[in-house]
Amino acid sequence: MSEQVIEVTGLRRRYGGPGPDGFEAVRGMDFTVGRGEIYALLGTNGAGKTSTVEVLEGLARPTAGQVRVLGMDPYRQRGRVRPRIGIMLQEGGFPSDLTVRETARMWAGCTTGARPAAEALDLVALGHRSSVRVKQLSGGERRRLDLAMALLGRPEVLFLDEPTTGLDPEARRHTWELVAGLREEGTTVLLTTHYLEEAETLADRLAIMRQGRIVLTGTPAEVTAAEPSRIRFRLPEGVSAAELPLRLRAAEEGAGVEIRTQDLQGDLTRLLVWARDAGVRLTGLDARSASLEETFLQVAGGEAGPPGTDPDGTGATGATGATGGGTAGRAEQTGPTGPTEQVRAG
């Protein structure tokens, strides 16, 4: 992945005029995507994902900054870039009275070096629906048709904007397998999605956006490592949470206990050794690392920037990266015995 297929530097995109009459949807973004890499942009509605992707696709010019796709300006050199990329928008606009086969043939006629229409439909498991009119397709089937048309030109770079919205679990898994297969063939994929499992499954790297900026980036493992792990269990009647090892810093509020820690293996070992020695049975014991969902909600949904960003959220200053290839992280408070945990009982 030494070749950078997508390069974004200082990207800004503003709607409307200056001052209160306008709105800056993208407020200075920097990232790169290497050849054969799947890169996911995550964020709540209004975070600036689609505004960013439209600039990369050449559908809009940036207000400021520089964007390069395959080494070219996708807006000014659209005629050279467009034949080499595939685009799946959030919603297609195919004529409703055409059949699936007719739609694919029409689209192929407008696509440079298009693969056979039947092949594209088979890729997304729509071949058996080729004689059905578009208006008779389900919402999920229409999304699969959108994907088939994006794949017609055998793209080097594929833009997928919410590709599995409306798909049932089986169709979603099939789409994931298809996208992963495209990566193995060398296709570069930039993906936006609200399905965090999708990003965690597919993405080599991801970026979480908030208010037009990237606030956390890295591999899925690096991003989830930024949040503490948790240990949950229930204590038997008559055993107080105050009896737990001091290192675990538990407070007693009923039988249920939740420990949040940056040292899952160490603290889980301490807990189990204590329980064995004390003859205490921990029911409902559950220990797990933080999920991407927890990290996303913490970072994308908060008002203040995460640790590592400057006060107005304009960029990362610590371990939290704002450029492609950065490593996700959190500032960690340490005490005499190691990382500080948060423990909740109740």
Protein backbone atom coordinates (compact mmCIF):
# COMPACT_ATOMS: atom_id res chain seq x y z
CA MET A 1 0.00 0.00 0.00
CA SER A 2 2.92 2.32 -0.67
CA GLU A 3 1.10 3.99 -3.55
CA GLN A 4 -1.38 6.58 -2.29
CA VAL A 5 -4.44 6.39 -4.53
CA ILE A 6 -6.45 9.00 -2.60
CA GLU A 7 -4.75 12.05 -1.08
CA VAL A 8 -6.67 14.71 0.85
CA THR A 9 -4.94 17.78 2.27
CA GLY A 10 -6.67 20.60 4.13
CA LEU A 11 -10.05 19.83 2.55
CA ARG A 12 -12.84 22.29 3.29
CA ARG A 13 -16.32 22.43 1.78
CA ARG A 14 -18.77 25.22 2.45
CA TYR A 15 -22.39 25.62 1.42
CA GLY A 16 -23.82 29.10 0.90
CA GLY A 17 -22.16 32.46 1.38
CA PRO A 18 -19.79 33.77 4.05
CA GLY A 19 -20.83 34.35 7.62
CA PRO A 20 -24.10 33.09 9.10
CA ASP A 21 -25.64 32.65 5.64
CA GLY A 22 -23.41 29.66 4.93
CA PHE A 23 -22.41 26.38 6.51
CA GLU A 24 -19.00 24.73 6.50
CA ALA A 25 -19.66 20.99 6.28
CA VAL A 26 -16.01 19.93 5.99
CA ARG A 27 -13.55 21.92 8.10
CA GLY A 28 -10.05 20.83 7.21
CA MET A 29 -9.42 17.14 6.57
CA ASP A 30 -6.19 15.28 5.85
CA PHE A 31 -5.97 11.59 5.02
CA THR A 32 -4.62 9.17 2.44
CA VAL A 33 -5.78 5.81 1.14
CA GLY A 34 -3.34 3.29 -0.33
CA ARG A 35 -3.88 1.07 -3.32
CA GLY A 36 -5.82 -2.07 -2.40
CA GLU A 37 -6.97 -0.62 0.91
CA ILE A 38 -10.49 -0.34 2.32
CA TYR A 39 -10.87 2.94 4.20
CA ALA A 40 -14.08 3.71 6.11
CA LEU A 41 -15.43 7.13 7.05
CA LEU A 42 -17.72 6.99 10.08
CA GLY A 43 -19.79 9.68 11.72
CA THR A 44 -23.29 10.64 12.74
CA ASN A 45 -25.64 12.29 10.24
CA GLY A 46 -24.28 15.72 9.38
CA ALA A 47 -20.68 14.86 10.25
CA GLY A 48 -19.57 15.66 6.68
CA LYS A 49 -19.05 12.18 5.24
CA THR A 50 -21.10 12.57 2.06
CA SER A 51 -19.83 16.12 1.52
CA THR A 52 -16.30 14.74 1.61
CA VAL A 53 -17.01 11.81 -0.69
CA GLU A 54 -18.74 14.02 -3.28
CA VAL A 55 -15.53 16.04 -3.62
CA LEU A 56 -13.47 12.86 -4.03
CA GLU A 57 -15.88 11.62 -6.68
CA GLY A 58 -15.51 14.85 -8.64
CA LEU A 59 -19.16 15.81 -8.15
CA ALA A 60 -18.23 19.04 -6.36
CA ARG A 61 -15.17 21.24 -6.06
CA PRO A 62 -13.56 21.88 -2.69
CA THR A 63 -13.88 25.29 -1.10
CA ALA A 64 -10.25 24.99 0.00
CA GLY A 65 -7.55 22.37 0.17
CA GLN A 66 -6.37 19.80 -2.32
CA VAL A 67 -7.74 16.41 -3.36
CA ARG A 68 -6.08 13.87 -5.63
CA VAL A 69 -7.53 10.59 -6.86
CA LEU A 70 -5.16 8.41 -8.90
CA GLY A 71 -2.84 11.40 -8.91
CA MET A 72 -5.37 13.72 -10.55
CA ASP A 73 -7.85 16.40 -9.53
CA PRO A 74 -11.20 14.55 -9.69
CA TYR A 75 -13.15 17.74 -10.46
CA ARG A 76 -10.90 19.51 -12.96
CA GLN A 77 -9.74 16.27 -14.60
CA ARG A 78 -13.03 14.42 -14.32
CA GLY A 79 -12.86 13.12 -17.88
CA ARG A 80 -9.68 11.21 -17.04
CA VAL A 81 -10.66 10.11 -13.53
CA ARG A 82 -14.27 9.03 -14.08
CA PRO A 83 -13.58 5.98 -16.31
CA ARG A 84 -11.31 4.53 -13.61
CA ILE A 85 -13.63 4.86 -10.61
CA GLY A 86 -16.95 3.36 -9.55
CA ILE A 87 -19.53 5.29 -7.56
CA MET A 88 -22.40 3.99 -5.48
CA LEU A 89 -24.45 6.89 -4.18
CA GLN A 90 -26.77 6.72 -1.19
CA GLU A 91 -29.68 6.39 -3.59
CA GLY A 92 -29.77 5.53 -7.29
CA GLY A 93 -31.97 7.20 -9.88
CA PHE A 94 -32.72 4.45 -12.39
CA PRO A 95 -35.87 4.64 -14.57
CA SER A 96 -38.50 2.67 -12.70
CA ASP A 97 -40.16 1.14 -15.77
CA LEU A 98 -36.99 -0.47 -17.12
CA THR A 99 -36.18 -4.04 -16.18
CA VAL A 100 -33.04 -4.85 -14.24
CA ARG A 101 -31.45 -6.24 -17.42
CA GLU A 102 -32.39 -3.17 -19.45
CA THR A 103 -31.01 -0.89 -16.75
CA ALA A 104 -27.70 -2.75 -16.71
CA ARG A 105 -27.40 -2.68 -20.51
CA MET A 106 -28.21 1.03 -20.60
CA TRP A 107 -25.61 1.75 -17.92
CA ALA A 108 -23.03 -0.44 -19.66
CA GLY A 109 -23.51 1.60 -22.83
CA CYS A 110 -22.38 4.70 -20.92
CA THR A 111 -19.41 3.00 -19.21
CA THR A 112 -15.91 2.72 -20.61
CA GLY A 113 -14.68 -0.89 -20.77
CA ALA A 114 -17.83 -2.24 -19.13
CA ARG A 115 -18.01 -5.88 -18.10
CA PRO A 116 -21.01 -7.85 -19.44
CA ALA A 117 -24.24 -6.71 -17.80
CA ALA A 118 -25.15 -10.26 -16.82
CA GLU A 119 -21.80 -10.66 -15.05
CA ALA A 120 -22.34 -7.48 -13.02
CA LEU A 121 -25.82 -8.65 -11.97
CA ASP A 122 -24.51 -12.07 -10.97
CA LEU A 123 -21.85 -10.43 -8.78
CA VAL A 124 -24.59 -8.99 -6.58
CA ALA A 125 -26.91 -12.00 -6.83
CA LEU A 126 -29.49 -10.22 -9.01
CA GLY A 127 -29.22 -12.36 -12.13
CA HIS A 128 -32.44 -14.21 -11.32
CA ARG A 129 -34.27 -10.85 -11.12
CA SER A 130 -33.08 -9.51 -14.47
CA SER A 131 -36.57 -9.49 -16.05
CA VAL A 132 -38.17 -7.64 -13.12
CA ARG A 133 -38.88 -3.91 -13.44
CA VAL A 134 -36.89 -1.62 -11.17
CA LYS A 135 -40.04 -0.33 -9.50
CA GLN A 136 -40.87 -3.87 -8.40
CA LEU A 137 -37.58 -4.41 -6.60
CA SER A 138 -37.35 -4.27 -2.83
CA GLY A 139 -35.27 -1.58 -1.21
CA GLY A 140 -32.43 -4.00 -0.60
CA GLU A 141 -32.52 -5.23 -4.20
CA ARG A 142 -32.28 -1.65 -5.44
CA ARG A 143 -29.15 -1.18 -3.35
CA ARG A 144 -27.67 -4.29 -4.92
CA LEU A 145 -28.51 -2.90 -8.37
CA ASP A 146 -26.75 0.34 -7.41
CA LEU A 147 -23.67 -1.69 -6.48
CA ALA A 148 -23.78 -3.70 -9.70
CA MET A 149 -23.75 -0.51 -11.77
CA ALA A 150 -20.82 0.84 -9.75
CA LEU A 151 -18.89 -2.33 -10.62
CA LEU A 152 -19.64 -2.34 -14.34
CA GLY A 153 -16.44 -0.51 -15.32
CA ARG A 154 -14.08 -2.73 -13.27
CA PRO A 155 -13.06 0.34 -11.20
CA GLU A 156 -9.61 0.87 -9.74
CA VAL A 157 -11.20 3.00 -7.01
CA LEU A 158 -14.67 2.28 -5.67
CA PHE A 159 -16.71 4.78 -3.63
CA LEU A 160 -19.47 3.18 -1.55
CA ASP A 161 -21.86 5.53 0.27
CA GLU A 162 -23.93 3.48 2.74
CA PRO A 163 -23.80 0.39 0.49
CA THR A 164 -25.79 -2.06 2.62
CA THR A 165 -28.64 0.14 3.84
CA GLY A 166 -31.86 -1.85 3.54
CA LEU A 167 -30.16 -5.20 2.95
CA ASP A 168 -31.13 -8.27 4.95
CA PRO A 169 -28.34 -9.95 6.96
CA GLU A 170 -27.63 -12.57 4.29
CA ALA A 171 -27.37 -10.01 1.49
CA ARG A 172 -25.21 -7.78 3.69
CA ARG A 173 -22.77 -10.63 4.33
CA HIS A 174 -22.67 -11.40 0.60
CA THR A 175 -21.85 -7.75 -0.12
CA TRP A 176 -19.07 -7.80 2.47
CA GLU A 177 -17.57 -10.87 0.82
CA LEU A 178 -17.80 -9.19 -2.58
CA VAL A 179 -16.07 -6.01 -1.36
CA ALA A 180 -13.36 -8.02 0.40
CA GLY A 181 -12.81 -9.93 -2.84
CA LEU A 182 -12.42 -6.68 -4.78
CA ARG A 183 -9.72 -5.61 -2.33
CA GLU A 184 -7.86 -8.86 -2.96
CA GLU A 185 -7.92 -7.98 -6.67
CA GLY A 186 -6.31 -4.61 -5.92
CA THR A 187 -9.36 -2.34 -5.92
CA THR A 188 -9.19 0.60 -3.51
CA VAL A 189 -12.43 1.18 -1.61
CA LEU A 190 -13.59 4.25 0.27
CA LEU A 191 -16.64 3.39 2.33
CA THR A 192 -19.12 5.35 4.40
CA THR A 193 -21.46 3.38 6.63
CA HIS A 194 -23.64 3.54 9.71
CA TYR A 195 -23.15 -0.18 10.33
CA LEU A 196 -20.19 -0.30 12.70
CA GLU A 197 -19.86 -4.07 12.33
CA GLU A 198 -19.46 -3.46 8.60
CA ALA A 199 -16.58 -1.06 9.16
CA GLU A 200 -14.98 -3.35 11.73
CA THR A 201 -15.24 -6.34 9.36
CA LEU A 202 -14.10 -4.68 6.13
CA ALA A 203 -11.90 -1.68 6.85
CA ASP A 204 -8.12 -1.80 6.94
CA ARG A 205 -8.27 1.68 8.47
CA LEU A 206 -11.09 3.95 9.48
CA ALA A 207 -11.70 7.52 10.55
CA ILE A 208 -14.41 8.82 12.86
CA MET A 209 -15.71 12.26 11.87
CA ARG A 210 -17.47 14.88 13.94
CA GLN A 211 -18.59 18.31 12.78
CA GLY A 212 -16.60 18.17 9.56
CA ARG A 213 -13.32 16.96 11.04
CA ILE A 214 -11.56 13.66 11.66
CA VAL A 215 -11.25 13.21 15.41
CA LEU A 216 -9.93 9.65 15.60
CA THR A 217 -8.28 7.39 13.03
CA GLY A 218 -6.39 4.13 12.82
CA THR A 219 -7.00 0.44 12.28
CA PRO A 220 -10.20 -0.90 13.88
CA ALA A 221 -8.08 -2.50 16.61
CA GLU A 222 -6.22 0.75 17.30
CA VAL A 223 -9.44 2.75 17.45
CA THR A 224 -11.20 0.38 19.84
CA ALA A 225 -8.09 0.21 22.04
CA ALA A 226 -8.63 3.91 22.77
CA GLU A 227 -11.52 2.98 25.08
CA PRO A 228 -11.16 0.93 28.29
CA SER A 229 -12.13 -2.73 28.47
CA ARG A 230 -14.84 -3.88 30.88
CA ILE A 231 -15.44 -6.70 33.33
CA ARG A 232 -18.98 -7.37 34.54
CA PHE A 233 -20.21 -9.81 37.20
CA ARG A 234 -22.56 -10.22 40.14
CA LEU A 235 -21.44 -10.85 43.71
CA PRO A 236 -23.23 -13.36 45.93
CA GLU A 237 -25.41 -12.12 48.74
CA GLY A 238 -23.39 -11.09 51.76
CA VAL A 239 -20.25 -10.24 49.79
CA SER A 240 -19.47 -6.55 49.55
CA ALA A 241 -17.82 -4.91 46.54
CA ALA A 242 -15.56 -3.22 49.07
CA GLU A 243 -13.92 -6.63 49.64
CA LEU A 244 -12.53 -6.67 46.12
CA PRO A 245 -8.78 -6.03 45.75
CA LEU A 246 -7.91 -2.36 46.20
CA ARG A 247 -6.35 -2.39 42.72
CA LEU A 248 -9.84 -2.83 41.27
CA ARG A 249 -11.29 0.18 43.11
CA ALA A 250 -14.86 -1.10 43.26
CA ALA A 251 -17.76 0.69 44.93
CA GLU A 252 -20.75 -1.18 46.30
CA GLU A 253 -24.21 -0.45 44.91
CA GLY A 254 -26.01 -3.76 44.93
CA ALA A 255 -24.69 -7.02 43.56
CA GLY A 256 -23.85 -5.95 39.99
CA VAL A 257 -20.34 -4.68 39.35
CA GLU A 258 -18.76 -3.22 36.23
CA ILE A 259 -15.02 -2.57 36.11
CA ARG A 260 -13.51 -0.47 33.34
CA THR A 261 -9.80 -0.95 32.88
CA GLN A 262 -6.90 -0.37 30.52
CA ASP A 263 -5.32 -3.65 31.70
CA LEU A 264 -7.95 -6.29 30.99
CA GLN A 265 -5.73 -9.34 31.35
CA GLY A 266 -4.01 -8.15 34.52
CA ASP A 267 -7.15 -7.00 36.31
CA LEU A 268 -9.17 -10.05 35.26
CA THR A 269 -6.41 -12.26 36.66
CA ARG A 270 -6.43 -10.33 39.95
CA LEU A 271 -10.20 -10.66 40.16
CA LEU A 272 -10.23 -14.42 39.51
CA VAL A 273 -7.38 -15.10 41.95
CA TRP A 274 -9.21 -13.10 44.62
CA ALA A 275 -12.47 -14.96 43.94
CA ARG A 276 -10.70 -18.34 44.15
CA ASP A 277 -8.88 -17.52 47.36
CA ALA A 278 -12.01 -16.02 48.94
CA GLY A 279 -14.27 -18.86 47.77
CA VAL A 280 -16.53 -16.37 45.97
CA ARG A 281 -18.49 -17.36 42.87
CA LEU A 282 -18.81 -14.55 40.30
CA THR A 283 -22.05 -15.12 38.39
CA GLY A 284 -22.65 -13.63 34.97
CA LEU A 285 -18.94 -12.99 34.54
CA ASP A 286 -18.27 -11.21 31.25
CA ALA A 287 -14.95 -9.66 30.23
CA ARG A 288 -14.37 -8.00 26.89
CA SER A 289 -12.43 -5.31 25.11
CA ALA A 290 -14.21 -2.12 24.07
CA SER A 291 -16.29 -2.39 20.91
CA LEU A 292 -16.15 -0.05 17.95
CA GLU A 293 -19.69 1.00 18.85
CA GLU A 294 -18.61 2.16 22.30
CA THR A 295 -15.71 4.10 20.85
CA PHE A 296 -17.90 5.61 18.16
CA LEU A 297 -20.55 6.78 20.61
CA GLN A 298 -17.90 8.24 22.89
CA VAL A 299 -16.07 10.08 20.11
CA ALA A 300 -18.68 10.93 17.48
CA GLY A 301 -21.54 11.72 19.83
CA GLY A 302 -19.73 13.89 22.37
CA GLU A 303 -19.77 17.66 22.43
CA ALA A 304 -16.15 18.03 23.46
CA GLY A 305 -13.25 16.61 21.54
CA PRO A 306 -11.64 13.39 22.71
CA PRO A 307 -8.34 13.47 24.54
CA GLY A 308 -5.61 14.34 22.10
CA THR A 309 -7.52 17.07 20.25
CA ASP A 310 -7.15 20.78 20.74
CA PRO A 311 -9.94 22.70 22.50
CA ASP A 312 -11.83 23.80 19.39
CA GLY A 313 -11.50 20.40 17.72
CA THR A 314 -9.38 21.61 14.82
CA GLY A 315 -6.93 18.74 14.93
CA ALA A 316 -5.09 16.11 16.90
CA THR A 317 -2.23 17.04 19.17
CA GLY A 318 -1.54 13.74 20.90
CA ALA A 319 -1.83 10.08 20.01
CA THR A 320 -5.13 10.65 18.24
CA GLY A 321 -4.19 11.07 14.61
CA ALA A 322 -5.94 13.20 12.01
CA THR A 323 -4.08 11.93 8.99
CA GLY A 324 -3.98 8.65 7.15
CA GLY A 325 -1.73 6.11 8.78
CA GLY A 326 -2.03 7.67 12.24
CA THR A 327 -2.43 5.57 15.34
CA ALA A 328 -5.48 5.87 17.51
CA GLY A 329 -4.89 6.52 21.17
CA ARG A 330 -5.94 8.11 24.42
CA ALA A 331 -4.08 10.05 27.06
CA GLU A 332 -3.82 7.66 30.00
CA GLN A 333 -3.75 8.69 33.62
CA THR A 334 -1.53 6.54 35.78
CA GLY A 335 -1.29 6.10 39.48
CA PRO A 336 1.18 4.31 41.71
CA THR A 337 -0.16 0.91 40.63
CA GLY A 338 -0.75 1.53 36.93
CA PRO A 339 -3.54 2.75 34.68
CA THR A 340 -6.52 4.30 36.39
CA GLU A 341 -9.76 2.26 36.10
CA GLN A 342 -13.34 3.32 36.36
CA VAL A 343 -15.54 0.90 38.29
CA ARG A 344 -19.30 1.05 38.50
CA ALA A 345 -21.44 -1.13 40.70
CA GLY A 346 -25.20 -1.31 40.53
